[in-house]
Protein backbone atom coordinates (compact mmCIF):
# COMPACT_ATOMS: atom_id res chain seq x y z
CA UNK A 1 16.56 79.58 30.13
CA UNK A 2 17.98 82.45 28.10
CA UNK A 3 17.85 82.46 24.30
CA UNK A 4 20.53 84.23 22.31
CA UNK A 5 20.73 85.21 18.68
CA UNK A 6 23.78 83.87 16.94
CA UNK A 7 23.30 85.74 13.65
CA UNK A 8 21.51 88.99 12.97
CA UNK A 9 19.82 89.53 9.62
CA UNK A 10 21.21 92.62 7.87
CA UNK A 11 18.80 95.55 7.92
CA UNK A 12 18.76 99.33 7.51
CA UNK A 13 16.66 102.31 8.47
CA UNK A 14 15.64 104.16 5.30
CA UNK A 15 16.65 107.73 4.62
CA UNK A 16 13.92 110.34 4.29
CA UNK A 17 12.31 110.08 0.85
CA UNK A 18 13.72 106.61 0.12
CA UNK A 19 11.84 104.42 -2.34
CA UNK A 20 12.22 100.74 -3.11
CA UNK A 21 14.34 101.71 -6.12
CA UNK A 22 16.67 104.01 -4.18
CA UNK A 23 17.22 101.41 -1.46
CA UNK A 24 17.77 98.71 -4.08
CA UNK A 25 20.42 100.72 -5.93
CA UNK A 26 22.25 101.60 -2.70
CA UNK A 27 22.03 98.23 -0.90
CA UNK A 28 22.01 95.73 -3.78
CA UNK A 29 24.46 97.17 -6.33
CA UNK A 30 25.10 94.99 -9.34
CA UNK A 31 21.57 93.56 -9.28
CA UNK A 32 19.09 94.67 -11.95
CA UNK A 33 16.79 97.29 -10.41
CA UNK A 34 13.56 95.39 -11.05
CA UNK A 35 15.03 92.22 -9.54
CA UNK A 36 16.46 94.08 -6.54
CA UNK A 37 13.16 95.88 -5.87
CA UNK A 38 11.26 92.58 -6.08
CA UNK A 39 13.69 90.94 -3.64
CA UNK A 40 13.44 93.81 -1.16
CA UNK A 41 9.65 93.81 -1.31
CA UNK A 42 9.46 90.05 -0.74
CA UNK A 43 11.82 90.31 2.27
CA UNK A 44 9.83 93.23 3.72
CA UNK A 45 6.16 92.32 3.43
CA UNK A 46 5.52 94.16 6.71
CA UNK A 47 6.23 97.41 4.79
CA UNK A 48 5.31 96.47 1.22
CA UNK A 49 1.79 95.28 2.08
CA UNK A 50 0.96 98.29 4.26
CA UNK A 51 -1.81 100.46 2.84
CA UNK A 52 -0.06 103.25 0.92
CA UNK A 53 -2.76 105.86 1.55
CA UNK A 54 -2.29 105.58 5.29
CA UNK A 55 1.30 106.78 5.09
CA UNK A 56 0.99 110.01 3.14
CA UNK A 57 4.03 109.65 0.88
CA UNK A 58 4.27 111.44 -2.43
CA UNK A 59 0.72 111.13 -3.78
CA UNK A 60 0.21 108.48 -1.09
CA UNK A 61 2.34 105.98 -3.02
CA UNK A 62 5.51 105.66 -0.92
CA UNK A 63 4.87 103.32 1.99
CA UNK A 64 8.44 103.53 3.33
CA UNK A 65 8.98 105.55 6.49
CA UNK A 66 12.35 106.50 7.99
CA UNK A 67 11.38 104.49 11.09
CA UNK A 68 10.76 101.25 9.15
CA UNK A 69 13.24 98.42 9.51
CA UNK A 70 14.12 97.26 5.99
CA UNK A 71 15.79 93.87 5.60
CA UNK A 72 18.44 93.88 2.87
CA UNK A 73 19.08 90.16 2.81
CA UNK A 74 16.75 87.16 2.69
CA UNK A 75 15.63 85.27 5.79
CA UNK A 76 18.00 82.56 6.87
CA UNK A 77 16.94 78.95 6.75
């Protein structure tokens, strides 16, 4: 039996140096920045909950890597 995906959840690969705020402003225009950042973080717990110090971003506080898959829409029901 072969399973197929009928709908793919929209995602991006971040640009070098991207932050939650920069992704939010680019991908969720028209949404207040704090709301957009909160939405992105809740849709991307696999990135948001990663230990920041292990990544080596600016002062160890940017856990987003260019190789991370970032979902820019909520999970589908």
